[in-house]
Amino acid sequence: MKVVEGFVSGCGGSEDDLARWTTAWRRIRMAKTHETAVSTYETAVSTHENATSLPTNRRTAS
């Protein structure tokens, strides 16, 4: 967030500009966090489904 503050300040932005940039930055970060969580969940489900559908190779005692 310090980078956003420095950018807005360095460009002569107002407090309103800072508030808008801060809100936008948080929305982007939240969207990325959500995408990562969904992707991780989908991978876990897919891996589980693939693992349970594969034939097992169990040896029986003779």
Foldseek 3Di string as FASTA:
>chain_A
DVVLVCVCVVVVHDPVVSVVSVVVVVVVVVVVVVVVVVVVVVVVVVVVVVVVPDDDDDDDDD
